[in-house]
N, C-alpha and C. Protein backbone atom coordinates (compact mmCIF):
# COMPACT_ATOMS: atom_id res chain seq x y z
N MET A 1 102.08 122.32 94.78
CA MET A 1 101.20 121.57 93.89
C MET A 1 100.30 120.66 94.72
N ALA A 2 99.03 120.65 94.43
CA ALA A 2 98.10 119.80 95.15
C ALA A 2 98.44 118.34 94.91
N THR A 3 98.18 117.52 95.95
CA THR A 3 98.49 116.10 95.84
C THR A 3 97.79 115.47 94.65
N GLU A 4 96.53 115.88 94.41
CA GLU A 4 95.75 115.33 93.30
C GLU A 4 96.44 115.59 91.97
N GLU A 5 97.03 116.79 91.84
CA GLU A 5 97.71 117.14 90.58
C GLU A 5 99.07 116.44 90.51
N LYS A 6 99.76 116.40 91.63
CA LYS A 6 101.10 115.83 91.67
C LYS A 6 101.08 114.35 91.30
N PHE A 7 100.03 113.65 91.76
CA PHE A 7 99.93 112.21 91.50
C PHE A 7 98.75 111.88 90.59
N ALA A 8 98.54 112.74 89.61
CA ALA A 8 97.41 112.56 88.70
C ALA A 8 97.52 111.24 87.94
N ILE A 9 98.73 110.86 87.55
CA ILE A 9 98.88 109.63 86.77
C ILE A 9 98.61 108.40 87.63
N HIS A 10 98.94 108.49 88.92
CA HIS A 10 98.66 107.38 89.83
C HIS A 10 97.15 107.19 89.97
N ALA A 11 96.44 108.31 90.12
CA ALA A 11 94.98 108.24 90.24
C ALA A 11 94.35 107.69 88.96
N ALA A 12 94.87 108.12 87.82
CA ALA A 12 94.34 107.65 86.54
C ALA A 12 94.61 106.17 86.35
N ALA A 13 95.81 105.72 86.77
CA ALA A 13 96.15 104.29 86.66
C ALA A 13 95.26 103.47 87.58
N ARG A 14 94.97 104.00 88.74
CA ARG A 14 94.11 103.30 89.70
C ARG A 14 92.67 103.23 89.20
N ASP A 15 92.23 104.31 88.55
CA ASP A 15 90.83 104.40 88.11
C ASP A 15 90.58 103.81 86.74
N GLY A 16 91.66 103.40 86.05
CA GLY A 16 91.49 102.78 84.74
C GLY A 16 91.26 103.77 83.61
N ARG A 17 91.71 105.01 83.77
CA ARG A 17 91.51 106.04 82.74
C ARG A 17 92.70 106.00 81.76
N VAL A 18 92.53 105.18 80.76
CA VAL A 18 93.63 104.88 79.84
C VAL A 18 94.11 106.13 79.09
N THR A 19 93.19 106.89 78.57
CA THR A 19 93.58 108.06 77.76
C THR A 19 94.30 109.10 78.60
N VAL A 20 93.92 109.24 79.85
CA VAL A 20 94.60 110.20 80.74
C VAL A 20 96.03 109.74 81.00
N VAL A 21 96.20 108.46 81.29
CA VAL A 21 97.54 107.92 81.52
C VAL A 21 98.40 108.11 80.28
N GLU A 22 97.85 107.80 79.13
CA GLU A 22 98.60 107.93 77.88
C GLU A 22 99.00 109.37 77.62
N SER A 23 98.09 110.29 77.86
CA SER A 23 98.36 111.70 77.66
C SER A 23 99.46 112.20 78.59
N LEU A 24 99.37 111.83 79.85
CA LEU A 24 100.37 112.25 80.83
C LEU A 24 101.75 111.68 80.51
N LEU A 25 101.79 110.44 80.05
CA LEU A 25 103.06 109.83 79.68
C LEU A 25 103.67 110.48 78.45
N ASN A 26 102.81 110.83 77.51
CA ASN A 26 103.31 111.51 76.30
C ASN A 26 103.94 112.85 76.66
N ALA A 27 103.36 113.52 77.64
CA ALA A 27 103.88 114.82 78.06
C ALA A 27 105.15 114.68 78.89
N ASN A 28 105.19 113.62 79.69
CA ASN A 28 106.34 113.42 80.57
C ASN A 28 106.49 111.94 80.92
N PRO A 29 107.27 111.19 80.14
CA PRO A 29 107.45 109.75 80.38
C PRO A 29 108.03 109.43 81.76
N LYS A 30 108.72 110.39 82.38
CA LYS A 30 109.33 110.15 83.69
C LYS A 30 108.29 109.95 84.80
N LEU A 31 107.06 110.33 84.52
CA LEU A 31 106.00 110.15 85.52
C LEU A 31 105.80 108.67 85.87
N ALA A 32 106.15 107.81 84.96
CA ALA A 32 106.00 106.37 85.19
C ALA A 32 106.89 105.89 86.33
N LYS A 33 107.96 106.64 86.63
CA LYS A 33 108.91 106.24 87.66
C LYS A 33 108.75 107.05 88.94
N GLN A 34 107.67 107.79 89.03
CA GLN A 34 107.44 108.62 90.21
C GLN A 34 106.62 107.86 91.25
N LYS A 35 107.11 107.81 92.47
CA LYS A 35 106.38 107.17 93.56
C LYS A 35 105.45 108.18 94.22
N ASP A 36 104.29 107.70 94.64
CA ASP A 36 103.34 108.57 95.35
C ASP A 36 103.55 108.46 96.85
N ASP A 37 102.67 109.04 97.62
CA ASP A 37 102.82 109.05 99.08
C ASP A 37 102.67 107.66 99.69
N ASP A 38 102.13 106.71 98.91
CA ASP A 38 102.02 105.32 99.36
C ASP A 38 103.23 104.49 98.95
N GLY A 39 104.20 105.16 98.32
CA GLY A 39 105.40 104.45 97.89
C GLY A 39 105.18 103.58 96.68
N ARG A 40 104.18 103.96 95.86
CA ARG A 40 103.84 103.14 94.70
C ARG A 40 103.99 103.92 93.41
N LEU A 41 104.32 103.17 92.35
CA LEU A 41 104.35 103.72 91.01
C LEU A 41 102.97 103.56 90.37
N PRO A 42 102.72 104.27 89.28
CA PRO A 42 101.46 104.05 88.55
C PRO A 42 101.23 102.59 88.20
N LEU A 43 102.31 101.89 87.86
CA LEU A 43 102.21 100.48 87.50
C LEU A 43 101.63 99.64 88.64
N HIS A 44 102.07 99.92 89.86
CA HIS A 44 101.56 99.16 91.00
C HIS A 44 100.05 99.34 91.14
N TRP A 45 99.58 100.57 90.93
CA TRP A 45 98.13 100.82 91.03
C TRP A 45 97.36 100.15 89.90
N ALA A 46 97.91 100.21 88.71
CA ALA A 46 97.25 99.57 87.56
C ALA A 46 97.13 98.06 87.79
N CYS A 47 98.17 97.47 88.39
CA CYS A 47 98.13 96.04 88.70
C CYS A 47 97.14 95.74 89.81
N SER A 48 97.08 96.61 90.80
CA SER A 48 96.16 96.41 91.93
C SER A 48 94.71 96.35 91.48
N TYR A 49 94.39 97.14 90.46
CA TYR A 49 93.01 97.20 89.99
C TYR A 49 92.81 96.47 88.66
N ASN A 50 93.85 95.73 88.27
CA ASN A 50 93.75 94.83 87.12
C ASN A 50 93.40 95.54 85.82
N HIS A 51 94.03 96.69 85.60
CA HIS A 51 93.79 97.45 84.37
C HIS A 51 94.84 97.07 83.33
N ALA A 52 94.55 96.03 82.57
CA ALA A 52 95.52 95.45 81.65
C ALA A 52 95.98 96.44 80.58
N GLU A 53 95.07 97.26 80.08
CA GLU A 53 95.44 98.18 79.01
C GLU A 53 96.46 99.21 79.49
N ILE A 54 96.31 99.65 80.74
CA ILE A 54 97.26 100.60 81.30
C ILE A 54 98.59 99.91 81.60
N VAL A 55 98.52 98.70 82.12
CA VAL A 55 99.75 97.94 82.36
C VAL A 55 100.51 97.76 81.06
N ASN A 56 99.79 97.48 79.98
CA ASN A 56 100.43 97.31 78.68
C ASN A 56 101.16 98.58 78.24
N LEU A 57 100.55 99.73 78.50
CA LEU A 57 101.22 101.00 78.19
C LEU A 57 102.53 101.13 78.95
N LEU A 58 102.47 100.81 80.24
CA LEU A 58 103.61 101.04 81.12
C LEU A 58 104.75 100.05 80.90
N VAL A 59 104.41 98.80 80.60
CA VAL A 59 105.48 97.80 80.42
C VAL A 59 106.23 98.00 79.11
N ASN A 60 105.67 98.79 78.22
CA ASN A 60 106.33 99.02 76.93
C ASN A 60 107.11 100.32 76.88
N LEU A 61 107.24 100.97 78.04
CA LEU A 61 108.05 102.17 78.10
C LEU A 61 109.54 101.82 78.11
N LYS A 62 110.35 102.76 77.68
CA LYS A 62 111.80 102.57 77.68
C LYS A 62 112.28 102.38 79.12
N ASP A 63 113.27 101.48 79.29
CA ASP A 63 113.88 101.21 80.60
C ASP A 63 112.87 100.66 81.61
N PHE A 64 111.85 99.96 81.14
CA PHE A 64 110.88 99.36 82.05
C PHE A 64 111.54 98.30 82.92
N ASP A 65 111.23 98.34 84.22
CA ASP A 65 111.75 97.36 85.17
C ASP A 65 110.59 96.50 85.66
N PRO A 66 110.52 95.23 85.26
CA PRO A 66 109.39 94.38 85.64
C PRO A 66 109.36 94.04 87.12
N ASP A 67 110.48 94.25 87.81
CA ASP A 67 110.56 93.87 89.21
C ASP A 67 110.63 95.07 90.15
N VAL A 68 110.23 96.23 89.67
CA VAL A 68 110.27 97.43 90.50
C VAL A 68 109.36 97.24 91.72
N GLN A 69 109.87 97.60 92.89
CA GLN A 69 109.16 97.34 94.13
C GLN A 69 108.55 98.62 94.71
N ASP A 70 107.40 98.47 95.38
CA ASP A 70 106.87 99.59 96.13
C ASP A 70 107.57 99.63 97.48
N ASP A 71 107.16 100.52 98.36
CA ASP A 71 107.89 100.67 99.63
C ASP A 71 107.77 99.47 100.56
N MET A 72 106.82 98.56 100.27
CA MET A 72 106.69 97.33 101.04
C MET A 72 107.42 96.17 100.37
N GLY A 73 108.07 96.48 99.25
CA GLY A 73 108.82 95.46 98.53
C GLY A 73 107.99 94.63 97.56
N TRP A 74 106.73 95.01 97.38
CA TRP A 74 105.86 94.26 96.46
C TRP A 74 106.17 94.64 95.02
N THR A 75 106.35 93.62 94.19
CA THR A 75 106.54 93.83 92.76
C THR A 75 105.18 93.84 92.06
N PRO A 76 105.14 94.33 90.82
CA PRO A 76 103.88 94.26 90.07
C PRO A 76 103.33 92.84 89.96
N LEU A 77 104.22 91.86 89.80
CA LEU A 77 103.77 90.48 89.69
C LEU A 77 103.12 90.00 90.99
N MET A 78 103.70 90.33 92.11
CA MET A 78 103.12 89.96 93.40
C MET A 78 101.71 90.53 93.54
N ILE A 79 101.58 91.79 93.17
CA ILE A 79 100.28 92.45 93.27
C ILE A 79 99.27 91.79 92.35
N SER A 80 99.65 91.58 91.11
CA SER A 80 98.72 90.99 90.14
C SER A 80 98.33 89.58 90.52
N ALA A 81 99.28 88.82 91.05
CA ALA A 81 99.00 87.44 91.43
C ALA A 81 98.01 87.37 92.60
N SER A 82 97.86 88.47 93.31
CA SER A 82 96.94 88.51 94.45
C SER A 82 95.56 89.03 94.06
N VAL A 83 95.38 89.34 92.78
CA VAL A 83 94.11 89.88 92.27
C VAL A 83 93.39 88.81 91.45
N LYS A 84 92.10 88.73 91.59
CA LYS A 84 91.33 87.74 90.83
C LYS A 84 91.31 88.06 89.34
N GLU A 85 91.30 87.01 88.54
CA GLU A 85 91.17 87.11 87.08
C GLU A 85 92.19 88.07 86.47
N SER A 86 93.43 87.94 86.92
CA SER A 86 94.49 88.85 86.46
C SER A 86 95.43 88.18 85.46
N ASP A 87 94.98 87.13 84.81
CA ASP A 87 95.86 86.36 83.92
C ASP A 87 96.51 87.21 82.85
N LYS A 88 95.75 88.14 82.28
CA LYS A 88 96.28 88.96 81.19
C LYS A 88 97.43 89.84 81.68
N VAL A 89 97.23 90.45 82.85
CA VAL A 89 98.28 91.30 83.42
C VAL A 89 99.50 90.47 83.80
N VAL A 90 99.26 89.34 84.42
CA VAL A 90 100.36 88.44 84.80
C VAL A 90 101.16 88.04 83.57
N ASP A 91 100.49 87.70 82.51
CA ASP A 91 101.18 87.30 81.27
C ASP A 91 102.01 88.45 80.70
N LEU A 92 101.49 89.68 80.78
CA LEU A 92 102.25 90.84 80.31
C LEU A 92 103.54 91.00 81.11
N LEU A 93 103.45 90.82 82.41
CA LEU A 93 104.63 90.97 83.27
C LEU A 93 105.63 89.85 83.06
N LEU A 94 105.13 88.64 82.93
CA LEU A 94 106.03 87.50 82.69
C LEU A 94 106.73 87.63 81.35
N ALA A 95 106.01 88.13 80.37
CA ALA A 95 106.59 88.31 79.03
C ALA A 95 107.73 89.33 79.05
N ARG A 96 107.68 90.25 80.00
CA ARG A 96 108.74 91.25 80.13
C ARG A 96 109.81 90.84 81.13
N GLY A 97 109.77 89.57 81.56
CA GLY A 97 110.86 89.03 82.37
C GLY A 97 110.71 89.19 83.87
N ALA A 98 109.49 89.32 84.37
CA ALA A 98 109.29 89.45 85.81
C ALA A 98 109.88 88.25 86.55
N ASP A 99 110.58 88.52 87.65
CA ASP A 99 111.25 87.48 88.43
C ASP A 99 110.24 86.83 89.37
N VAL A 100 109.97 85.55 89.16
CA VAL A 100 108.96 84.85 89.97
C VAL A 100 109.47 84.52 91.37
N ASN A 101 110.78 84.71 91.61
CA ASN A 101 111.34 84.40 92.92
C ASN A 101 111.80 85.63 93.69
N GLN A 102 111.46 86.81 93.19
CA GLN A 102 111.75 88.04 93.92
C GLN A 102 111.03 88.03 95.27
N THR A 103 111.67 88.53 96.31
CA THR A 103 111.04 88.58 97.63
C THR A 103 110.69 90.02 98.01
N ASN A 104 109.64 90.17 98.83
CA ASN A 104 109.29 91.50 99.33
C ASN A 104 109.98 91.74 100.67
N ASN A 105 109.60 92.80 101.37
CA ASN A 105 110.27 93.14 102.62
C ASN A 105 110.09 92.08 103.70
N ASN A 106 109.07 91.25 103.54
CA ASN A 106 108.82 90.18 104.51
C ASN A 106 109.39 88.83 104.05
N GLY A 107 110.14 88.88 102.95
CA GLY A 107 110.76 87.66 102.45
C GLY A 107 109.84 86.75 101.68
N GLN A 108 108.66 87.26 101.31
CA GLN A 108 107.66 86.43 100.62
C GLN A 108 107.82 86.55 99.10
N THR A 109 107.55 85.45 98.42
CA THR A 109 107.55 85.43 96.97
C THR A 109 106.10 85.37 96.47
N VAL A 110 105.96 85.44 95.17
CA VAL A 110 104.63 85.30 94.56
C VAL A 110 103.97 83.99 95.00
N LEU A 111 104.77 82.94 95.13
CA LEU A 111 104.22 81.63 95.47
C LEU A 111 103.58 81.61 96.86
N HIS A 112 104.09 82.41 97.78
CA HIS A 112 103.46 82.52 99.09
C HIS A 112 102.03 83.04 98.96
N PHE A 113 101.86 84.04 98.11
CA PHE A 113 100.52 84.63 97.94
C PHE A 113 99.58 83.69 97.20
N LEU A 114 100.11 83.00 96.22
CA LEU A 114 99.29 82.05 95.47
C LEU A 114 98.84 80.90 96.37
N ALA A 115 99.72 80.47 97.26
CA ALA A 115 99.36 79.41 98.19
C ALA A 115 98.27 79.88 99.15
N SER A 116 98.38 81.12 99.61
CA SER A 116 97.38 81.68 100.52
C SER A 116 96.01 81.77 99.87
N LYS A 117 95.99 82.02 98.56
CA LYS A 117 94.74 82.20 97.84
C LYS A 117 94.30 80.96 97.07
N SER A 118 95.04 79.88 97.25
CA SER A 118 94.73 78.61 96.56
C SER A 118 94.61 78.80 95.04
N ASN A 119 95.46 79.64 94.48
CA ASN A 119 95.44 79.89 93.04
C ASN A 119 96.30 78.82 92.35
N LEU A 120 95.69 77.67 92.18
CA LEU A 120 96.42 76.50 91.69
C LEU A 120 96.90 76.66 90.25
N ASP A 121 96.08 77.24 89.40
CA ASP A 121 96.43 77.36 87.98
C ASP A 121 97.68 78.21 87.79
N LEU A 122 97.72 79.37 88.45
CA LEU A 122 98.87 80.24 88.30
C LEU A 122 100.10 79.65 88.98
N ALA A 123 99.91 79.01 90.13
CA ALA A 123 101.04 78.36 90.80
C ALA A 123 101.65 77.30 89.90
N ARG A 124 100.79 76.53 89.24
CA ARG A 124 101.29 75.48 88.33
C ARG A 124 102.06 76.11 87.16
N LYS A 125 101.54 77.21 86.65
CA LYS A 125 102.24 77.89 85.55
C LYS A 125 103.63 78.35 85.98
N LEU A 126 103.72 78.95 87.16
CA LEU A 126 105.00 79.48 87.62
C LEU A 126 105.99 78.37 87.99
N LEU A 127 105.46 77.25 88.43
CA LEU A 127 106.32 76.13 88.82
C LEU A 127 106.74 75.26 87.64
N GLU A 128 105.89 75.19 86.61
CA GLU A 128 106.11 74.21 85.55
C GLU A 128 106.31 74.78 84.16
N GLU A 129 105.91 76.02 83.93
CA GLU A 129 105.98 76.56 82.57
C GLU A 129 106.97 77.71 82.40
N ILE A 130 107.35 78.35 83.50
CA ILE A 130 108.24 79.51 83.44
C ILE A 130 109.69 79.07 83.65
N LYS A 131 110.59 79.67 82.91
CA LYS A 131 112.02 79.38 83.05
C LYS A 131 112.77 80.68 83.39
N PRO A 132 113.53 80.71 84.49
CA PRO A 132 113.57 79.67 85.53
C PRO A 132 112.26 79.63 86.29
N PRO A 133 111.91 78.48 86.85
CA PRO A 133 110.62 78.33 87.52
C PRO A 133 110.62 78.94 88.91
N ALA A 134 109.43 79.07 89.46
CA ALA A 134 109.29 79.49 90.85
C ALA A 134 109.86 78.40 91.75
N SER A 135 110.34 78.81 92.90
CA SER A 135 110.87 77.86 93.87
C SER A 135 109.89 77.70 95.04
N ALA A 136 109.62 76.45 95.40
CA ALA A 136 108.77 76.17 96.55
C ALA A 136 109.60 76.09 97.83
N ARG A 137 110.86 76.48 97.73
CA ARG A 137 111.79 76.33 98.85
C ARG A 137 112.31 77.67 99.37
N VAL A 138 111.50 78.71 99.21
CA VAL A 138 111.87 80.03 99.74
C VAL A 138 111.14 80.25 101.06
N ARG A 139 111.90 80.58 102.06
CA ARG A 139 111.35 80.77 103.41
C ARG A 139 111.23 82.27 103.69
N ASP A 140 110.07 82.71 104.17
CA ASP A 140 109.90 84.14 104.46
C ASP A 140 110.42 84.46 105.86
N LYS A 141 110.24 85.70 106.29
CA LYS A 141 110.81 86.13 107.57
C LYS A 141 110.09 85.55 108.77
N ARG A 142 108.93 84.97 108.56
CA ARG A 142 108.25 84.24 109.63
C ARG A 142 108.66 82.76 109.63
N GLY A 143 109.60 82.45 108.75
CA GLY A 143 110.08 81.08 108.66
C GLY A 143 109.17 80.17 107.87
N GLN A 144 108.22 80.76 107.16
CA GLN A 144 107.23 79.94 106.46
C GLN A 144 107.56 79.77 104.98
N TYR A 145 107.36 78.54 104.53
CA TYR A 145 107.39 78.22 103.11
C TYR A 145 105.96 78.33 102.58
N PRO A 146 105.78 78.39 101.27
CA PRO A 146 104.42 78.41 100.73
C PRO A 146 103.54 77.27 101.24
N ILE A 147 104.14 76.11 101.52
CA ILE A 147 103.34 74.98 101.99
C ILE A 147 102.68 75.26 103.35
N HIS A 148 103.33 76.06 104.18
CA HIS A 148 102.71 76.43 105.45
C HIS A 148 101.40 77.18 105.20
N ARG A 149 101.42 78.05 104.21
CA ARG A 149 100.22 78.83 103.89
C ARG A 149 99.14 77.96 103.26
N ALA A 150 99.56 77.07 102.39
CA ALA A 150 98.60 76.16 101.75
C ALA A 150 97.91 75.30 102.80
N ALA A 151 98.67 74.87 103.79
CA ALA A 151 98.10 74.05 104.87
C ALA A 151 97.13 74.87 105.71
N ALA A 152 97.48 76.11 105.99
CA ALA A 152 96.65 76.96 106.84
C ALA A 152 95.30 77.26 106.20
N VAL A 153 95.27 77.37 104.87
CA VAL A 153 94.00 77.67 104.19
C VAL A 153 93.28 76.40 103.76
N GLY A 154 93.92 75.25 103.96
CA GLY A 154 93.25 73.97 103.68
C GLY A 154 93.21 73.57 102.23
N SER A 155 94.30 73.78 101.50
CA SER A 155 94.33 73.44 100.08
C SER A 155 95.21 72.21 99.83
N ALA A 156 94.58 71.05 99.82
CA ALA A 156 95.32 69.81 99.54
C ALA A 156 95.93 69.80 98.13
N PRO A 157 95.20 70.26 97.09
CA PRO A 157 95.81 70.27 95.75
C PRO A 157 97.06 71.15 95.69
N MET A 158 97.06 72.29 96.38
CA MET A 158 98.24 73.15 96.39
C MET A 158 99.39 72.46 97.12
N ILE A 159 99.08 71.80 98.21
CA ILE A 159 100.11 71.07 98.95
C ILE A 159 100.75 70.00 98.07
N ASN A 160 99.93 69.25 97.37
CA ASN A 160 100.46 68.20 96.49
C ASN A 160 101.33 68.78 95.38
N LEU A 161 100.91 69.92 94.84
CA LEU A 161 101.70 70.58 93.80
C LEU A 161 103.04 71.03 94.35
N LEU A 162 103.03 71.64 95.53
CA LEU A 162 104.27 72.13 96.13
C LEU A 162 105.21 70.97 96.48
N LEU A 163 104.66 69.89 96.99
CA LEU A 163 105.49 68.73 97.31
C LEU A 163 106.11 68.13 96.05
N LYS A 164 105.35 68.14 94.97
CA LYS A 164 105.86 67.64 93.68
C LYS A 164 107.09 68.43 93.24
N HIS A 165 107.13 69.71 93.68
CA HIS A 165 108.23 70.58 93.28
C HIS A 165 109.19 70.87 94.44
N ARG A 166 109.41 69.81 95.24
CA ARG A 166 110.49 69.78 96.24
C ARG A 166 110.27 70.72 97.42
N SER A 167 109.03 71.01 97.74
CA SER A 167 108.78 71.78 98.96
C SER A 167 109.18 70.96 100.18
N PRO A 168 109.82 71.58 101.17
CA PRO A 168 110.06 70.88 102.43
C PRO A 168 108.71 70.50 103.05
N LEU A 169 108.62 69.33 103.64
CA LEU A 169 107.37 68.87 104.23
C LEU A 169 107.31 69.10 105.73
N ASN A 170 108.43 68.88 106.41
CA ASN A 170 108.43 68.92 107.87
C ASN A 170 109.15 70.12 108.46
N ALA A 171 109.45 71.10 107.64
CA ALA A 171 110.13 72.30 108.12
C ALA A 171 109.23 73.06 109.09
N THR A 172 109.85 73.67 110.09
CA THR A 172 109.11 74.44 111.08
C THR A 172 109.29 75.94 110.83
N ASP A 173 108.23 76.71 111.12
CA ASP A 173 108.35 78.16 111.02
C ASP A 173 108.85 78.73 112.34
N ASN A 174 108.82 80.03 112.50
CA ASN A 174 109.38 80.66 113.69
C ASN A 174 108.64 80.29 114.98
N ALA A 175 107.40 79.81 114.84
CA ALA A 175 106.62 79.38 116.01
C ALA A 175 106.77 77.88 116.25
N GLY A 176 107.61 77.24 115.43
CA GLY A 176 107.80 75.81 115.55
C GLY A 176 106.72 74.99 114.87
N TYR A 177 105.87 75.68 114.10
CA TYR A 177 104.78 74.99 113.40
C TYR A 177 105.27 74.36 112.11
N THR A 178 104.91 73.11 111.90
CA THR A 178 105.06 72.49 110.59
C THR A 178 103.78 72.77 109.80
N ALA A 179 103.77 72.38 108.54
CA ALA A 179 102.54 72.50 107.76
C ALA A 179 101.41 71.73 108.44
N LEU A 180 101.75 70.60 109.03
CA LEU A 180 100.75 69.79 109.73
C LEU A 180 100.16 70.54 110.91
N HIS A 181 100.99 71.22 111.67
CA HIS A 181 100.49 72.04 112.78
C HIS A 181 99.47 73.07 112.28
N HIS A 182 99.80 73.73 111.17
CA HIS A 182 98.89 74.75 110.61
C HIS A 182 97.56 74.13 110.18
N ALA A 183 97.64 73.01 109.49
CA ALA A 183 96.42 72.36 108.99
C ALA A 183 95.51 71.95 110.15
N VAL A 184 96.09 71.33 111.16
CA VAL A 184 95.29 70.86 112.30
C VAL A 184 94.72 72.04 113.08
N ALA A 185 95.55 73.05 113.32
CA ALA A 185 95.11 74.21 114.10
C ALA A 185 93.93 74.92 113.45
N GLU A 186 93.86 74.87 112.12
CA GLU A 186 92.76 75.51 111.41
C GLU A 186 91.59 74.57 111.17
N GLY A 187 91.72 73.35 111.66
CA GLY A 187 90.62 72.41 111.55
C GLY A 187 90.48 71.70 110.22
N HIS A 188 91.56 71.67 109.43
CA HIS A 188 91.50 71.04 108.10
C HIS A 188 91.93 69.57 108.20
N GLY A 189 91.00 68.73 108.63
CA GLY A 189 91.31 67.33 108.84
C GLY A 189 91.76 66.61 107.59
N ASP A 190 91.08 66.85 106.47
CA ASP A 190 91.46 66.18 105.22
C ASP A 190 92.86 66.57 104.78
N VAL A 191 93.20 67.84 104.97
CA VAL A 191 94.53 68.31 104.59
C VAL A 191 95.58 67.70 105.52
N ALA A 192 95.24 67.56 106.79
CA ALA A 192 96.16 66.92 107.73
C ALA A 192 96.46 65.49 107.27
N ILE A 193 95.44 64.78 106.82
CA ILE A 193 95.64 63.42 106.33
C ILE A 193 96.50 63.41 105.07
N THR A 194 96.27 64.37 104.18
CA THR A 194 97.12 64.49 102.98
C THR A 194 98.58 64.63 103.38
N LEU A 195 98.85 65.47 104.35
CA LEU A 195 100.22 65.70 104.81
C LEU A 195 100.80 64.45 105.49
N ILE A 196 99.99 63.80 106.31
CA ILE A 196 100.45 62.59 107.00
C ILE A 196 100.77 61.49 106.01
N LYS A 197 99.91 61.31 105.01
CA LYS A 197 100.17 60.30 103.98
C LYS A 197 101.43 60.61 103.18
N ALA A 198 101.75 61.91 103.08
CA ALA A 198 102.96 62.32 102.35
C ALA A 198 104.22 62.15 103.20
N GLY A 199 104.03 61.86 104.49
CA GLY A 199 105.18 61.64 105.36
C GLY A 199 105.38 62.68 106.44
N ALA A 200 104.38 63.49 106.71
CA ALA A 200 104.50 64.50 107.76
C ALA A 200 104.75 63.82 109.10
N GLU A 201 105.68 64.38 109.86
CA GLU A 201 106.05 63.81 111.16
C GLU A 201 105.07 64.29 112.23
N THR A 202 104.28 63.37 112.76
CA THR A 202 103.26 63.74 113.75
C THR A 202 103.84 63.92 115.15
N ASP A 203 105.10 63.51 115.35
CA ASP A 203 105.69 63.62 116.68
C ASP A 203 106.52 64.88 116.87
N LYS A 204 106.50 65.79 115.90
CA LYS A 204 107.23 67.05 116.05
C LYS A 204 106.41 68.02 116.90
N LYS A 205 107.08 68.67 117.83
CA LYS A 205 106.42 69.62 118.71
C LYS A 205 106.76 71.05 118.30
N ASP A 206 105.79 71.96 118.53
CA ASP A 206 106.04 73.36 118.21
C ASP A 206 106.84 74.01 119.34
N SER A 207 107.04 75.32 119.26
CA SER A 207 107.88 76.02 120.23
C SER A 207 107.30 75.98 121.64
N ASP A 208 106.00 75.73 121.75
CA ASP A 208 105.36 75.64 123.07
C ASP A 208 105.21 74.19 123.55
N GLY A 209 105.76 73.27 122.76
CA GLY A 209 105.75 71.88 123.17
C GLY A 209 104.52 71.10 122.76
N PHE A 210 103.76 71.62 121.81
CA PHE A 210 102.54 70.94 121.38
C PHE A 210 102.75 70.13 120.10
N LEU A 211 102.21 68.90 120.13
CA LEU A 211 102.13 68.13 118.90
C LEU A 211 101.06 68.74 118.01
N ALA A 212 101.13 68.46 116.72
CA ALA A 212 100.15 69.02 115.78
C ALA A 212 98.73 68.66 116.19
N LEU A 213 98.48 67.40 116.52
CA LEU A 213 97.11 66.98 116.82
C LEU A 213 96.57 67.59 118.11
N GLN A 214 97.47 68.06 118.95
CA GLN A 214 97.03 68.73 120.17
C GLN A 214 96.49 70.14 119.90
N LEU A 215 96.68 70.62 118.68
CA LEU A 215 96.21 71.96 118.32
C LEU A 215 94.83 71.94 117.68
N ALA A 216 94.25 70.77 117.55
CA ALA A 216 92.92 70.65 116.92
C ALA A 216 91.91 71.53 117.66
N PRO A 217 91.06 72.26 116.91
CA PRO A 217 90.10 73.16 117.55
C PRO A 217 88.98 72.44 118.31
N GLY A 218 88.90 71.14 118.16
CA GLY A 218 87.87 70.38 118.88
C GLY A 218 88.14 68.90 118.77
N PRO A 219 87.50 68.09 119.62
CA PRO A 219 87.75 66.64 119.62
C PRO A 219 87.32 65.96 118.32
N ASP A 220 86.34 66.51 117.63
CA ASP A 220 85.87 65.87 116.39
C ASP A 220 86.96 65.85 115.33
N VAL A 221 87.69 66.96 115.22
CA VAL A 221 88.77 67.04 114.23
C VAL A 221 89.86 66.03 114.57
N ARG A 222 90.22 65.96 115.84
CA ARG A 222 91.26 65.04 116.28
C ARG A 222 90.84 63.58 116.04
N LYS A 223 89.60 63.27 116.36
CA LYS A 223 89.09 61.91 116.16
C LYS A 223 89.05 61.55 114.68
N TYR A 224 88.67 62.53 113.86
CA TYR A 224 88.61 62.29 112.41
C TYR A 224 89.99 61.94 111.87
N ILE A 225 90.99 62.73 112.25
CA ILE A 225 92.35 62.50 111.77
C ILE A 225 92.86 61.14 112.24
N ALA A 226 92.59 60.83 113.51
CA ALA A 226 93.05 59.54 114.07
C ALA A 226 92.40 58.37 113.33
N ARG A 227 91.10 58.50 113.03
CA ARG A 227 90.39 57.42 112.34
C ARG A 227 90.92 57.22 110.93
N LYS A 228 91.09 58.33 110.21
CA LYS A 228 91.58 58.24 108.84
C LYS A 228 93.00 57.68 108.79
N ALA A 229 93.83 58.10 109.73
CA ALA A 229 95.21 57.60 109.77
C ALA A 229 95.21 56.09 110.04
N GLU A 230 94.32 55.66 110.93
CA GLU A 230 94.22 54.23 111.23
C GLU A 230 93.78 53.45 109.99
N GLU A 231 92.84 54.01 109.23
CA GLU A 231 92.38 53.35 108.00
C GLU A 231 93.52 53.22 106.99
N GLU A 232 94.44 54.17 107.02
CA GLU A 232 95.59 54.15 106.11
C GLU A 232 96.73 53.29 106.66
N GLY A 233 96.55 52.80 107.90
CA GLY A 233 97.59 52.00 108.50
C GLY A 233 98.77 52.81 108.97
N ILE A 234 98.53 54.08 109.31
CA ILE A 234 99.60 54.97 109.74
C ILE A 234 99.46 55.25 111.23
N GLU A 235 100.55 55.01 111.95
CA GLU A 235 100.54 55.28 113.39
C GLU A 235 100.91 56.75 113.62
N ILE A 236 100.12 57.45 114.42
CA ILE A 236 100.39 58.87 114.63
C ILE A 236 100.51 59.19 116.12
N ALA A 237 101.26 60.26 116.39
CA ALA A 237 101.42 60.73 117.77
C ALA A 237 100.24 61.63 118.12
N MET A 238 99.60 61.32 119.22
CA MET A 238 98.44 62.08 119.67
C MET A 238 98.77 62.98 120.86
């Protein structure tokens, strides 16, 4: 059988062809549980391309598993949370009991991806409106919490949200980086100040023996952080 025919439902789910997906499912509902050569189900493709109507078809099938993983360990919720304007699909998955703390093969949760993309609205929903809520205290295989990612992309609002929900502040990842190390290394001076005001330890060294402020991409960033810290009356290690 040609690959195109064998995985026709996957292609239809990816392309948003609702009637084709519906027809194929009516003929053989088991197709919904068939993985393609990419290790994905039709549901994963529908979520990737934000096709809510197809997702709705699939989540209402008998024996639907909201946390089914592709070969990389990504759940439908992880995929949808990484797509823009996917609120409708996310709500469909949450309504069917998707686990907000499920981890993929790299130990990452949905919150890691939301932190990377600064998706504050969805992060707030998962932390404050879902029961049980998302945890800001899950460490991935690189030793990173969501706050490390929020710091790296320079999102102070995400950092404040994560800290509100018991995120570790001074934890180090596998490279010995704290969130402060990530913020400074990426040149996010304002975010570094947010972390310092929250109690980030400026005297912690990474695995190579560097303080966070020593990772600044240029003297201007370092001077900015030092000046702002002085204005706040906070003594920092340089």
